[in-house]
């Protein structure tokens, strides 16, 4: 039986992505209200899901866009209870073939976007508490991987960012968690090469419950069976 989160407002970045769509479905099953943040609005997704309370557009790598987005969310729906940040990117190439542009792209997508989204969410959560969830990776939770220097470094930075937030806001009613998946599997039948996206979505739901909040500051290594 799915947890009941009918009184919760969940901000989800990247709802139109493959993982984001799984998270939309998982939270809809709990009765939670969803506020989606993407570069564009998927009207079909919005029209098919009555639990999407508000669909917003923002480039989360741009400070002004994120500030305006959260101000709009506050005006339209009130203070969010949880923010699930899934927007990010992957890059793999030898270190000597990594251009500054590639490095900066990974930094913007994986780390700067997380900093901006979490910072603006915290501005509005201070008075009532809430939770943050970021999607890092095994490369960020455990160790870097060859030919993935930019990706490993930025996911490692995201893990440390979430830990720092959890420590800074400890005891305030605000929690922060990291989920570190191995390869994410989207197509059945699943094999043992990674973790199904639907399982990651359920972890996001669990971290939004009172029981999940007790894991404040944890990095959940979701490496599959």
N, C-alpha and C. Protein backbone atom coordinates (compact mmCIF):
# COMPACT_ATOMS: atom_id res chain seq x y z
N UNK A 1 0.85 -1.20 0.00
CA UNK A 1 0.00 0.00 0.00
C UNK A 1 0.88 1.25 0.00
N UNK A 2 0.59 2.18 -0.89
CA UNK A 2 1.37 3.40 -0.97
C UNK A 2 1.12 4.28 0.26
N UNK A 3 2.16 4.99 0.68
CA UNK A 3 2.00 5.93 1.78
C UNK A 3 1.03 7.02 1.36
N UNK A 4 0.32 7.59 2.34
CA UNK A 4 -0.59 8.70 2.06
C UNK A 4 0.13 10.01 2.31
N UNK A 5 0.23 10.83 1.28
CA UNK A 5 0.85 12.15 1.39
C UNK A 5 -0.11 13.21 0.85
N UNK A 6 -1.40 13.00 1.10
CA UNK A 6 -2.42 13.85 0.50
C UNK A 6 -2.28 15.31 0.90
N UNK A 7 -1.69 15.58 2.05
CA UNK A 7 -1.57 16.96 2.51
C UNK A 7 -0.23 17.59 2.14
N UNK A 8 0.56 16.90 1.31
CA UNK A 8 1.90 17.37 0.98
C UNK A 8 1.97 17.98 -0.41
N UNK A 9 2.79 19.03 -0.54
CA UNK A 9 3.08 19.64 -1.84
C UNK A 9 4.53 19.34 -2.18
N UNK A 10 4.73 18.68 -3.31
CA UNK A 10 6.04 18.20 -3.72
C UNK A 10 6.50 18.94 -4.96
N UNK A 11 7.63 19.63 -4.87
CA UNK A 11 8.24 20.24 -6.05
C UNK A 11 9.17 19.21 -6.68
N UNK A 12 8.98 18.98 -7.96
CA UNK A 12 9.80 18.00 -8.70
C UNK A 12 10.42 18.68 -9.90
N UNK A 13 11.75 18.72 -9.96
CA UNK A 13 12.42 19.22 -11.16
C UNK A 13 12.67 18.05 -12.10
N UNK A 14 12.51 18.30 -13.38
CA UNK A 14 12.78 17.25 -14.36
C UNK A 14 11.68 16.23 -14.49
N UNK A 15 10.43 16.65 -14.37
CA UNK A 15 9.31 15.70 -14.41
C UNK A 15 9.12 15.08 -15.79
N UNK A 16 9.63 15.72 -16.84
CA UNK A 16 9.45 15.17 -18.19
C UNK A 16 10.53 14.17 -18.56
N UNK A 17 11.55 14.02 -17.72
CA UNK A 17 12.59 13.02 -17.97
C UNK A 17 12.09 11.62 -17.64
N UNK A 18 12.88 10.62 -18.01
CA UNK A 18 12.43 9.25 -17.78
C UNK A 18 12.30 8.93 -16.30
N UNK A 19 13.26 9.39 -15.49
CA UNK A 19 13.14 9.19 -14.04
C UNK A 19 12.03 10.07 -13.48
N UNK A 20 11.96 11.30 -13.94
CA UNK A 20 10.95 12.22 -13.44
C UNK A 20 9.53 11.68 -13.63
N UNK A 21 9.27 11.06 -14.75
CA UNK A 21 7.94 10.52 -15.01
C UNK A 21 7.60 9.40 -14.03
N UNK A 22 8.60 8.60 -13.69
CA UNK A 22 8.37 7.54 -12.71
C UNK A 22 8.06 8.15 -11.34
N UNK A 23 8.73 9.25 -11.01
CA UNK A 23 8.51 9.90 -9.72
C UNK A 23 7.13 10.54 -9.68
N UNK A 24 6.70 11.14 -10.79
CA UNK A 24 5.34 11.69 -10.87
C UNK A 24 4.32 10.61 -10.55
N UNK A 25 4.48 9.45 -11.16
CA UNK A 25 3.53 8.36 -10.95
C UNK A 25 3.55 7.89 -9.50
N UNK A 26 4.74 7.76 -8.93
CA UNK A 26 4.85 7.27 -7.56
C UNK A 26 4.18 8.22 -6.57
N UNK A 27 4.39 9.52 -6.75
CA UNK A 27 3.78 10.48 -5.83
C UNK A 27 2.28 10.61 -6.07
N UNK A 28 1.85 10.50 -7.33
CA UNK A 28 0.42 10.56 -7.61
C UNK A 28 -0.32 9.45 -6.88
N UNK A 29 0.31 8.29 -6.76
CA UNK A 29 -0.31 7.16 -6.07
C UNK A 29 -0.49 7.42 -4.57
N UNK A 30 0.24 8.41 -4.03
CA UNK A 30 0.13 8.74 -2.61
C UNK A 30 -0.90 9.84 -2.36
N UNK A 31 -1.38 10.48 -3.43
CA UNK A 31 -2.33 11.57 -3.29
C UNK A 31 -1.68 12.92 -3.11
N UNK A 32 -0.35 12.99 -3.16
CA UNK A 32 0.36 14.26 -2.99
C UNK A 32 0.07 15.20 -4.17
N UNK A 33 0.20 16.50 -3.91
CA UNK A 33 0.10 17.49 -4.98
C UNK A 33 1.48 17.80 -5.51
N UNK A 34 1.63 17.82 -6.83
CA UNK A 34 2.93 18.00 -7.47
C UNK A 34 3.04 19.36 -8.13
N UNK A 35 4.20 19.98 -7.96
CA UNK A 35 4.56 21.19 -8.69
C UNK A 35 5.78 20.85 -9.52
N UNK A 36 5.67 20.91 -10.83
CA UNK A 36 6.75 20.48 -11.69
C UNK A 36 7.55 21.67 -12.21
N UNK A 37 8.85 21.46 -12.37
CA UNK A 37 9.77 22.49 -12.88
C UNK A 37 10.57 21.86 -14.02
N UNK A 38 10.45 22.43 -15.21
CA UNK A 38 11.17 21.93 -16.39
C UNK A 38 11.50 23.09 -17.31
N UNK A 39 12.31 22.81 -18.32
CA UNK A 39 12.60 23.83 -19.34
C UNK A 39 11.38 24.09 -20.22
N UNK A 40 10.48 23.11 -20.30
CA UNK A 40 9.24 23.28 -21.05
C UNK A 40 8.17 22.45 -20.37
N UNK A 41 6.92 22.73 -20.68
CA UNK A 41 5.79 22.02 -20.07
C UNK A 41 5.29 20.95 -21.02
N UNK A 42 5.17 19.73 -20.53
CA UNK A 42 4.59 18.63 -21.29
C UNK A 42 3.09 18.63 -20.99
N UNK A 43 2.30 19.22 -21.86
CA UNK A 43 0.87 19.37 -21.59
C UNK A 43 0.17 18.02 -21.49
N UNK A 44 0.64 17.04 -22.25
CA UNK A 44 0.02 15.72 -22.17
C UNK A 44 0.20 15.13 -20.78
N UNK A 45 1.42 15.27 -20.22
CA UNK A 45 1.69 14.77 -18.87
C UNK A 45 0.81 15.48 -17.85
N UNK A 46 0.68 16.81 -17.99
CA UNK A 46 -0.12 17.60 -17.05
C UNK A 46 -1.59 17.21 -17.14
N UNK A 47 -2.10 17.08 -18.36
CA UNK A 47 -3.52 16.79 -18.55
C UNK A 47 -3.88 15.39 -18.09
N UNK A 48 -2.90 14.47 -18.13
CA UNK A 48 -3.18 13.09 -17.74
C UNK A 48 -3.03 12.87 -16.24
N UNK A 49 -2.52 13.87 -15.51
CA UNK A 49 -2.28 13.66 -14.09
C UNK A 49 -2.93 14.77 -13.27
N UNK A 50 -4.02 14.42 -12.62
CA UNK A 50 -4.78 15.41 -11.84
C UNK A 50 -4.03 15.88 -10.60
N UNK A 51 -2.96 15.18 -10.24
CA UNK A 51 -2.21 15.55 -9.04
C UNK A 51 -1.15 16.62 -9.33
N UNK A 52 -0.94 16.98 -10.58
CA UNK A 52 -0.03 18.08 -10.90
C UNK A 52 -0.78 19.39 -10.66
N UNK A 53 -0.43 20.05 -9.57
CA UNK A 53 -1.11 21.26 -9.14
C UNK A 53 -0.66 22.47 -9.95
N UNK A 54 0.62 22.49 -10.32
CA UNK A 54 1.19 23.62 -11.05
C UNK A 54 2.37 23.12 -11.87
N UNK A 55 2.44 23.53 -13.13
CA UNK A 55 3.58 23.23 -14.00
C UNK A 55 4.29 24.54 -14.31
N UNK A 56 5.57 24.61 -14.00
CA UNK A 56 6.33 25.83 -14.20
C UNK A 56 7.52 25.58 -15.12
N UNK A 57 8.03 26.68 -15.70
CA UNK A 57 9.16 26.62 -16.62
C UNK A 57 10.33 27.40 -16.03
N UNK A 58 11.53 26.77 -16.01
CA UNK A 58 12.72 27.47 -15.54
C UNK A 58 13.96 26.72 -16.02
N UNK A 59 15.00 27.48 -16.34
CA UNK A 59 16.32 26.92 -16.57
C UNK A 59 17.02 26.94 -15.20
N UNK A 60 17.13 25.78 -14.57
CA UNK A 60 17.60 25.74 -13.18
C UNK A 60 19.10 25.96 -13.05
N UNK A 61 19.79 26.21 -14.15
CA UNK A 61 21.20 26.59 -14.06
C UNK A 61 21.35 28.11 -14.00
N UNK A 62 20.25 28.84 -14.12
CA UNK A 62 20.27 30.29 -14.10
C UNK A 62 19.68 30.81 -12.79
N UNK A 63 20.44 31.61 -12.07
CA UNK A 63 20.02 32.07 -10.74
C UNK A 63 18.69 32.81 -10.79
N UNK A 64 18.55 33.77 -11.66
CA UNK A 64 17.34 34.59 -11.69
C UNK A 64 16.12 33.73 -12.01
N UNK A 65 16.29 32.74 -12.88
CA UNK A 65 15.17 31.88 -13.25
C UNK A 65 14.70 31.05 -12.05
N UNK A 66 15.63 30.56 -11.26
CA UNK A 66 15.27 29.75 -10.10
C UNK A 66 14.61 30.61 -9.02
N UNK A 67 15.17 31.80 -8.80
CA UNK A 67 14.57 32.73 -7.83
C UNK A 67 13.13 33.05 -8.22
N UNK A 68 12.92 33.40 -9.48
CA UNK A 68 11.57 33.74 -9.96
C UNK A 68 10.64 32.53 -9.88
N UNK A 69 11.17 31.35 -10.19
CA UNK A 69 10.35 30.14 -10.18
C UNK A 69 9.82 29.85 -8.78
N UNK A 70 10.66 29.92 -7.77
CA UNK A 70 10.21 29.62 -6.41
C UNK A 70 9.30 30.72 -5.87
N UNK A 71 9.51 31.95 -6.29
CA UNK A 71 8.59 33.02 -5.90
C UNK A 71 7.20 32.76 -6.49
N UNK A 72 7.18 32.29 -7.73
CA UNK A 72 5.91 31.96 -8.39
C UNK A 72 5.23 30.78 -7.69
N UNK A 73 6.01 29.76 -7.34
CA UNK A 73 5.45 28.60 -6.64
C UNK A 73 4.83 29.03 -5.31
N UNK A 74 5.55 29.88 -4.58
CA UNK A 74 5.04 30.36 -3.29
C UNK A 74 3.73 31.12 -3.47
N UNK A 75 3.66 31.97 -4.47
CA UNK A 75 2.46 32.76 -4.72
C UNK A 75 1.27 31.89 -5.12
N UNK A 76 1.54 30.87 -5.93
CA UNK A 76 0.45 30.08 -6.52
C UNK A 76 0.00 28.92 -5.64
N UNK A 77 0.92 28.31 -4.89
CA UNK A 77 0.58 27.08 -4.17
C UNK A 77 0.94 27.11 -2.70
N UNK A 78 1.74 28.07 -2.27
CA UNK A 78 2.20 28.09 -0.89
C UNK A 78 3.55 27.39 -0.75
N UNK A 79 3.99 27.25 0.48
CA UNK A 79 5.30 26.68 0.77
C UNK A 79 5.35 25.19 0.45
N UNK A 80 6.33 24.73 -0.32
CA UNK A 80 6.43 23.29 -0.61
C UNK A 80 6.89 22.51 0.62
N UNK A 81 6.47 21.25 0.67
CA UNK A 81 6.89 20.36 1.75
C UNK A 81 8.16 19.60 1.41
N UNK A 82 8.31 19.27 0.13
CA UNK A 82 9.49 18.52 -0.33
C UNK A 82 9.92 19.07 -1.67
N UNK A 83 11.22 19.00 -1.92
CA UNK A 83 11.77 19.31 -3.24
C UNK A 83 12.62 18.12 -3.68
N UNK A 84 12.23 17.52 -4.80
CA UNK A 84 12.98 16.41 -5.39
C UNK A 84 13.65 16.95 -6.65
N UNK A 85 14.98 17.01 -6.61
CA UNK A 85 15.72 17.60 -7.73
C UNK A 85 16.38 16.50 -8.55
N UNK A 86 15.86 16.28 -9.77
CA UNK A 86 16.38 15.20 -10.61
C UNK A 86 17.16 15.69 -11.82
N UNK A 87 17.13 16.98 -12.10
CA UNK A 87 17.80 17.49 -13.30
C UNK A 87 19.31 17.34 -13.15
N UNK A 88 19.93 16.81 -14.17
CA UNK A 88 21.38 16.63 -14.18
C UNK A 88 21.81 16.07 -15.52
N UNK A 89 23.08 15.72 -15.62
CA UNK A 89 23.59 15.19 -16.89
C UNK A 89 24.77 14.28 -16.67
N UNK A 90 25.12 13.55 -17.72
CA UNK A 90 26.26 12.62 -17.67
C UNK A 90 27.21 12.94 -18.81
N UNK A 91 28.49 12.74 -18.54
CA UNK A 91 29.50 12.90 -19.59
C UNK A 91 30.65 11.94 -19.30
N UNK A 92 31.11 11.25 -20.33
CA UNK A 92 32.22 10.34 -20.17
C UNK A 92 33.23 10.49 -21.29
N UNK A 93 34.46 10.82 -20.92
CA UNK A 93 35.53 10.98 -21.91
C UNK A 93 36.86 11.04 -21.15
N UNK A 94 37.97 10.72 -21.81
CA UNK A 94 39.27 10.83 -21.14
C UNK A 94 39.50 12.25 -20.62
N UNK A 95 40.25 12.35 -19.55
CA UNK A 95 40.49 13.66 -18.94
C UNK A 95 41.11 14.63 -19.93
N UNK A 96 42.06 14.17 -20.73
CA UNK A 96 42.73 15.07 -21.67
C UNK A 96 41.83 15.51 -22.82
N UNK A 97 40.72 14.81 -23.00
CA UNK A 97 39.74 15.19 -24.03
C UNK A 97 38.59 16.00 -23.44
N UNK A 98 38.65 16.30 -22.15
CA UNK A 98 37.59 17.06 -21.49
C UNK A 98 37.84 18.54 -21.66
N UNK A 99 37.00 19.18 -22.42
CA UNK A 99 37.14 20.63 -22.64
C UNK A 99 36.60 21.40 -21.44
N UNK A 100 36.98 22.64 -21.34
CA UNK A 100 36.44 23.48 -20.29
C UNK A 100 34.92 23.60 -20.44
N UNK A 101 34.46 23.63 -21.68
CA UNK A 101 33.02 23.72 -21.93
C UNK A 101 32.29 22.49 -21.38
N UNK A 102 32.86 21.30 -21.60
CA UNK A 102 32.26 20.08 -21.08
C UNK A 102 32.27 20.06 -19.55
N UNK A 103 33.40 20.48 -18.98
CA UNK A 103 33.51 20.55 -17.53
C UNK A 103 32.45 21.51 -16.96
N UNK A 104 32.33 22.69 -17.56
CA UNK A 104 31.39 23.69 -17.08
C UNK A 104 29.96 23.20 -17.21
N UNK A 105 29.67 22.48 -18.28
CA UNK A 105 28.32 21.95 -18.48
C UNK A 105 27.94 20.99 -17.36
N UNK A 106 28.86 20.10 -16.98
CA UNK A 106 28.60 19.17 -15.88
C UNK A 106 28.45 19.92 -14.57
N UNK A 107 29.28 20.93 -14.36
CA UNK A 107 29.20 21.73 -13.14
C UNK A 107 27.85 22.42 -13.04
N UNK A 108 27.40 23.01 -14.15
CA UNK A 108 26.12 23.72 -14.16
C UNK A 108 24.95 22.77 -13.92
N UNK A 109 24.93 21.66 -14.66
CA UNK A 109 23.79 20.75 -14.60
C UNK A 109 23.71 20.01 -13.26
N UNK A 110 24.83 19.51 -12.78
CA UNK A 110 24.79 18.62 -11.62
C UNK A 110 24.96 19.32 -10.28
N UNK A 111 25.73 20.39 -10.25
CA UNK A 111 26.05 21.00 -8.96
C UNK A 111 25.44 22.39 -8.80
N UNK A 112 25.66 23.27 -9.77
CA UNK A 112 25.11 24.62 -9.65
C UNK A 112 23.59 24.59 -9.60
N UNK A 113 22.97 23.79 -10.43
CA UNK A 113 21.50 23.71 -10.41
C UNK A 113 21.00 23.24 -9.05
N UNK A 114 21.69 22.28 -8.45
CA UNK A 114 21.29 21.76 -7.14
C UNK A 114 21.42 22.85 -6.08
N UNK A 115 22.54 23.55 -6.10
CA UNK A 115 22.75 24.65 -5.16
C UNK A 115 21.65 25.68 -5.27
N UNK A 116 21.31 26.10 -6.48
CA UNK A 116 20.30 27.14 -6.67
C UNK A 116 18.91 26.67 -6.24
N UNK A 117 18.54 25.46 -6.65
CA UNK A 117 17.22 24.93 -6.31
C UNK A 117 17.08 24.75 -4.81
N UNK A 118 18.08 24.14 -4.17
CA UNK A 118 17.99 23.90 -2.73
C UNK A 118 18.02 25.22 -1.95
N UNK A 119 18.86 26.15 -2.37
CA UNK A 119 18.94 27.43 -1.66
C UNK A 119 17.60 28.16 -1.68
N UNK A 120 16.98 28.24 -2.86
CA UNK A 120 15.71 28.96 -2.95
C UNK A 120 14.60 28.22 -2.23
N UNK A 121 14.61 26.89 -2.27
CA UNK A 121 13.62 26.12 -1.51
C UNK A 121 13.75 26.40 -0.02
N UNK A 122 14.98 26.45 0.47
CA UNK A 122 15.21 26.68 1.89
C UNK A 122 14.74 28.07 2.34
N UNK A 123 14.80 29.03 1.46
CA UNK A 123 14.32 30.37 1.82
C UNK A 123 12.85 30.31 2.23
N UNK A 124 12.09 29.43 1.58
CA UNK A 124 10.65 29.36 1.84
C UNK A 124 10.29 28.29 2.85
N UNK A 125 11.20 27.39 3.14
CA UNK A 125 10.91 26.31 4.08
C UNK A 125 11.26 26.66 5.52
N UNK A 126 12.02 27.71 5.73
CA UNK A 126 12.56 27.99 7.06
C UNK A 126 11.52 27.98 8.17
N UNK A 127 10.33 28.52 7.92
CA UNK A 127 9.35 28.67 8.98
C UNK A 127 8.57 27.39 9.28
N UNK A 128 8.43 26.50 8.31
CA UNK A 128 7.59 25.32 8.54
C UNK A 128 8.32 23.99 8.37
N UNK A 129 9.58 24.03 8.01
CA UNK A 129 10.29 22.77 7.80
C UNK A 129 10.02 22.23 6.41
N UNK A 130 10.65 21.11 6.10
CA UNK A 130 10.48 20.49 4.79
C UNK A 130 11.65 19.58 4.50
N UNK A 131 11.70 19.06 3.27
CA UNK A 131 12.75 18.12 2.92
C UNK A 131 13.28 18.34 1.52
N UNK A 132 14.54 17.99 1.33
CA UNK A 132 15.21 18.08 0.04
C UNK A 132 15.76 16.71 -0.32
N UNK A 133 15.65 16.34 -1.59
CA UNK A 133 16.24 15.09 -2.09
C UNK A 133 16.99 15.40 -3.38
N UNK A 134 18.25 14.97 -3.45
CA UNK A 134 19.04 15.13 -4.66
C UNK A 134 19.46 13.77 -5.18
N UNK A 135 19.61 13.68 -6.49
CA UNK A 135 20.04 12.43 -7.13
C UNK A 135 21.52 12.54 -7.47
N UNK A 136 22.34 11.85 -6.70
CA UNK A 136 23.76 11.83 -6.98
C UNK A 136 24.09 10.52 -7.73
N UNK A 137 25.16 9.84 -7.42
CA UNK A 137 25.53 8.62 -8.13
C UNK A 137 26.58 7.86 -7.33
N UNK A 138 26.81 6.62 -7.72
CA UNK A 138 27.89 5.87 -7.08
C UNK A 138 29.22 6.59 -7.21
N UNK A 139 29.41 7.28 -8.34
CA UNK A 139 30.65 8.04 -8.55
C UNK A 139 30.76 9.22 -7.58
N UNK A 140 29.63 9.66 -7.03
CA UNK A 140 29.66 10.74 -6.07
C UNK A 140 29.63 10.25 -4.64
N UNK A 141 29.09 9.05 -4.43
CA UNK A 141 28.97 8.51 -3.08
C UNK A 141 30.22 7.77 -2.64
N UNK A 142 30.88 7.07 -3.57
CA UNK A 142 31.98 6.19 -3.19
C UNK A 142 33.33 6.63 -3.75
N UNK A 143 33.45 6.66 -5.07
CA UNK A 143 34.73 7.03 -5.67
C UNK A 143 34.53 7.42 -7.12
N UNK A 144 35.47 8.21 -7.63
CA UNK A 144 35.43 8.60 -9.02
C UNK A 144 35.75 7.43 -9.94
N UNK A 145 35.36 7.59 -11.21
CA UNK A 145 35.53 6.54 -12.20
C UNK A 145 36.36 7.07 -13.37
N UNK A 146 37.20 6.22 -13.93
CA UNK A 146 38.02 6.59 -15.07
C UNK A 146 37.17 7.11 -16.21
N UNK A 147 37.65 8.14 -16.87
CA UNK A 147 37.02 8.75 -18.03
C UNK A 147 35.65 9.36 -17.69
N UNK A 148 35.44 9.66 -16.41
CA UNK A 148 34.23 10.35 -15.97
C UNK A 148 34.61 11.41 -14.93
N UNK A 149 35.69 12.12 -15.18
CA UNK A 149 36.20 13.06 -14.18
C UNK A 149 35.19 14.15 -13.85
N UNK A 150 34.62 14.78 -14.85
CA UNK A 150 33.69 15.88 -14.61
C UNK A 150 32.43 15.38 -13.93
N UNK A 151 31.91 14.26 -14.40
CA UNK A 151 30.70 13.70 -13.80
C UNK A 151 30.96 13.28 -12.35
N UNK A 152 32.05 12.57 -12.12
CA UNK A 152 32.38 12.11 -10.78
C UNK A 152 32.57 13.28 -9.82
N UNK A 153 33.30 14.29 -10.27
CA UNK A 153 33.58 15.44 -9.40
C UNK A 153 32.31 16.20 -9.03
N UNK A 154 31.42 16.39 -10.00
CA UNK A 154 30.21 17.16 -9.71
C UNK A 154 29.22 16.36 -8.87
N UNK A 155 29.13 15.06 -9.08
CA UNK A 155 28.25 14.24 -8.24
C UNK A 155 28.82 14.11 -6.83
N UNK A 156 30.15 14.07 -6.72
CA UNK A 156 30.77 14.08 -5.40
C UNK A 156 30.47 15.39 -4.68
N UNK A 157 30.53 16.49 -5.41
CA UNK A 157 30.20 17.79 -4.84
C UNK A 157 28.75 17.86 -4.40
N UNK A 158 27.85 17.26 -5.15
CA UNK A 158 26.43 17.24 -4.79
C UNK A 158 26.22 16.47 -3.48
N UNK A 159 26.91 15.35 -3.34
CA UNK A 159 26.81 14.58 -2.10
C UNK A 159 27.24 15.42 -0.90
N UNK A 160 28.36 16.10 -1.02
CA UNK A 160 28.85 16.94 0.08
C UNK A 160 27.90 18.12 0.34
N UNK A 161 27.32 18.69 -0.72
CA UNK A 161 26.37 19.78 -0.56
C UNK A 161 25.18 19.34 0.29
N UNK A 162 24.64 18.18 -0.03
CA UNK A 162 23.47 17.68 0.70
C UNK A 162 23.84 17.39 2.15
N UNK A 163 25.00 16.80 2.39
CA UNK A 163 25.44 16.55 3.76
C UNK A 163 25.58 17.86 4.54
N UNK A 164 26.12 18.86 3.90
CA UNK A 164 26.31 20.16 4.55
C UNK A 164 24.97 20.79 4.92
N UNK A 165 24.00 20.72 4.00
CA UNK A 165 22.68 21.26 4.29
C UNK A 165 22.05 20.53 5.46
N UNK A 166 22.13 19.21 5.46
CA UNK A 166 21.54 18.42 6.54
C UNK A 166 22.14 18.80 7.88
N UNK A 167 23.44 19.02 7.91
CA UNK A 167 24.12 19.38 9.16
C UNK A 167 23.77 20.79 9.60
N UNK A 168 23.72 21.71 8.64
CA UNK A 168 23.43 23.10 8.97
C UNK A 168 22.01 23.29 9.51
N UNK A 169 21.06 22.52 8.97
CA UNK A 169 19.66 22.70 9.35
C UNK A 169 19.17 21.64 10.33
N UNK A 170 20.09 20.87 10.89
CA UNK A 170 19.73 19.83 11.85
C UNK A 170 18.94 20.43 13.02
N UNK A 171 17.82 19.80 13.35
CA UNK A 171 17.01 20.26 14.46
C UNK A 171 16.01 21.35 14.12
N UNK A 172 15.95 21.76 12.85
CA UNK A 172 15.04 22.84 12.45
C UNK A 172 13.75 22.32 11.83
N UNK A 173 13.67 21.02 11.58
CA UNK A 173 12.53 20.46 10.86
C UNK A 173 12.79 20.32 9.38
N UNK A 174 13.98 20.73 8.93
CA UNK A 174 14.37 20.59 7.53
C UNK A 174 15.34 19.43 7.39
N UNK A 175 15.11 18.57 6.42
CA UNK A 175 15.98 17.43 6.17
C UNK A 175 16.51 17.47 4.75
N UNK A 176 17.62 16.78 4.52
CA UNK A 176 18.21 16.68 3.18
C UNK A 176 18.76 15.28 3.00
N UNK A 177 18.50 14.71 1.84
CA UNK A 177 18.92 13.34 1.55
C UNK A 177 19.49 13.25 0.14
N UNK A 178 20.40 12.30 -0.04
CA UNK A 178 20.93 11.99 -1.37
C UNK A 178 20.58 10.55 -1.72
N UNK A 179 20.18 10.34 -2.95
CA UNK A 179 20.00 8.99 -3.47
C UNK A 179 21.07 8.78 -4.53
N UNK A 180 21.86 7.73 -4.35
CA UNK A 180 22.99 7.47 -5.25
C UNK A 180 22.73 6.16 -6.00
N UNK A 181 22.16 6.25 -7.21
CA UNK A 181 21.92 5.03 -7.97
C UNK A 181 23.14 4.58 -8.76
N UNK A 182 23.15 3.29 -9.06
CA UNK A 182 24.04 2.78 -10.10
C UNK A 182 23.36 3.08 -11.44
N UNK A 183 23.62 2.32 -12.46
CA UNK A 183 22.92 2.52 -13.73
C UNK A 183 21.42 2.41 -13.50
N UNK A 184 20.68 3.37 -14.04
CA UNK A 184 19.23 3.37 -13.86
C UNK A 184 18.59 2.58 -15.00
N UNK A 185 17.74 1.63 -14.65
CA UNK A 185 17.09 0.76 -15.63
C UNK A 185 15.66 1.23 -15.87
N UNK A 186 15.29 1.37 -17.13
CA UNK A 186 13.96 1.87 -17.47
C UNK A 186 13.09 0.83 -18.18
N UNK A 187 13.70 -0.15 -18.78
CA UNK A 187 12.95 -1.11 -19.58
C UNK A 187 12.94 -2.50 -18.94
N UNK A 188 11.77 -3.11 -18.85
CA UNK A 188 11.66 -4.49 -18.39
C UNK A 188 11.92 -5.43 -19.57
N UNK A 189 12.41 -6.66 -19.33
CA UNK A 189 12.74 -7.22 -18.02
C UNK A 189 14.05 -6.64 -17.48
N UNK A 190 14.09 -6.35 -16.19
CA UNK A 190 15.27 -5.80 -15.57
C UNK A 190 16.31 -6.89 -15.35
N UNK A 191 17.59 -6.51 -15.48
CA UNK A 191 18.66 -7.44 -15.17
C UNK A 191 19.38 -6.94 -13.91
N UNK A 192 20.55 -7.49 -13.63
CA UNK A 192 21.26 -7.11 -12.41
C UNK A 192 22.33 -6.06 -12.66
N UNK A 193 22.18 -5.28 -13.74
CA UNK A 193 23.20 -4.28 -14.09
C UNK A 193 22.97 -2.93 -13.42
N UNK A 194 21.85 -2.80 -12.72
CA UNK A 194 21.56 -1.51 -12.11
C UNK A 194 20.31 -1.56 -11.26
N UNK A 195 19.64 -0.42 -11.15
CA UNK A 195 18.45 -0.30 -10.30
C UNK A 195 17.28 0.22 -11.11
N UNK A 196 16.10 -0.39 -11.00
CA UNK A 196 14.93 0.10 -11.75
C UNK A 196 14.55 1.51 -11.33
N UNK A 197 14.16 2.32 -12.29
CA UNK A 197 13.76 3.71 -12.00
C UNK A 197 12.59 3.75 -11.04
N UNK A 198 11.68 2.79 -11.14
CA UNK A 198 10.51 2.79 -10.25
C UNK A 198 10.93 2.62 -8.79
N UNK A 199 12.03 1.89 -8.55
CA UNK A 199 12.53 1.73 -7.18
C UNK A 199 13.08 3.06 -6.65
N UNK A 200 13.75 3.81 -7.50
CA UNK A 200 14.25 5.13 -7.09
C UNK A 200 13.09 6.06 -6.78
N UNK A 201 12.02 5.98 -7.58
CA UNK A 201 10.84 6.80 -7.33
C UNK A 201 10.24 6.47 -5.97
N UNK A 202 10.18 5.19 -5.63
CA UNK A 202 9.63 4.80 -4.33
C UNK A 202 10.52 5.27 -3.18
N UNK A 203 11.83 5.32 -3.41
CA UNK A 203 12.71 5.86 -2.38
C UNK A 203 12.43 7.35 -2.15
N UNK A 204 12.16 8.08 -3.21
CA UNK A 204 11.80 9.50 -3.07
C UNK A 204 10.53 9.64 -2.24
N UNK A 205 9.57 8.78 -2.48
CA UNK A 205 8.34 8.81 -1.69
C UNK A 205 8.64 8.50 -0.23
N UNK A 206 9.43 7.47 0.01
CA UNK A 206 9.75 7.08 1.39
C UNK A 206 10.43 8.21 2.15
N UNK A 207 11.35 8.89 1.51
CA UNK A 207 12.06 9.99 2.17
C UNK A 207 11.14 11.17 2.47
N UNK A 208 9.96 11.18 1.87
CA UNK A 208 8.99 12.24 2.12
C UNK A 208 8.06 11.91 3.28
N UNK A 209 8.14 10.69 3.80
CA UNK A 209 7.33 10.29 4.94
C UNK A 209 8.06 10.62 6.24
N UNK A 210 7.34 10.54 7.35
CA UNK A 210 7.96 10.80 8.65
C UNK A 210 9.07 9.81 8.94
N UNK A 211 8.88 8.55 8.56
CA UNK A 211 9.92 7.55 8.77
C UNK A 211 11.16 7.87 7.96
N UNK A 212 10.97 8.30 6.72
CA UNK A 212 12.10 8.63 5.87
C UNK A 212 12.88 9.84 6.35
N UNK A 213 12.18 10.76 6.99
CA UNK A 213 12.84 11.97 7.46
C UNK A 213 13.88 11.66 8.54
N UNK A 214 13.74 10.52 9.20
CA UNK A 214 14.71 10.16 10.24
C UNK A 214 16.08 9.82 9.66
N UNK A 215 16.16 9.70 8.34
CA UNK A 215 17.43 9.40 7.67
C UNK A 215 18.16 10.69 7.25
N UNK A 216 17.84 11.79 7.90
CA UNK A 216 18.43 13.08 7.54
C UNK A 216 19.94 13.00 7.34
N UNK A 217 20.40 13.52 6.21
CA UNK A 217 21.83 13.56 5.92
C UNK A 217 22.39 12.31 5.29
N UNK A 218 21.55 11.29 5.14
CA UNK A 218 22.03 10.01 4.60
C UNK A 218 22.16 10.05 3.08
N UNK A 219 23.11 9.27 2.58
CA UNK A 219 23.20 8.98 1.16
C UNK A 219 22.77 7.53 0.96
N UNK A 220 21.65 7.33 0.28
CA UNK A 220 21.12 6.00 0.07
C UNK A 220 21.72 5.42 -1.21
N UNK A 221 22.55 4.43 -1.05
CA UNK A 221 23.19 3.79 -2.20
C UNK A 221 22.24 2.77 -2.80
N UNK A 222 21.69 3.11 -3.94
CA UNK A 222 20.70 2.25 -4.61
C UNK A 222 21.37 1.59 -5.81
N UNK A 223 22.06 0.51 -5.55
CA UNK A 223 22.87 -0.13 -6.60
C UNK A 223 22.18 -1.34 -7.22
N UNK A 224 20.95 -1.63 -6.80
CA UNK A 224 20.23 -2.75 -7.39
C UNK A 224 20.54 -4.07 -6.71
N UNK A 225 19.84 -5.09 -7.17
CA UNK A 225 19.97 -6.42 -6.54
C UNK A 225 21.26 -7.11 -6.92
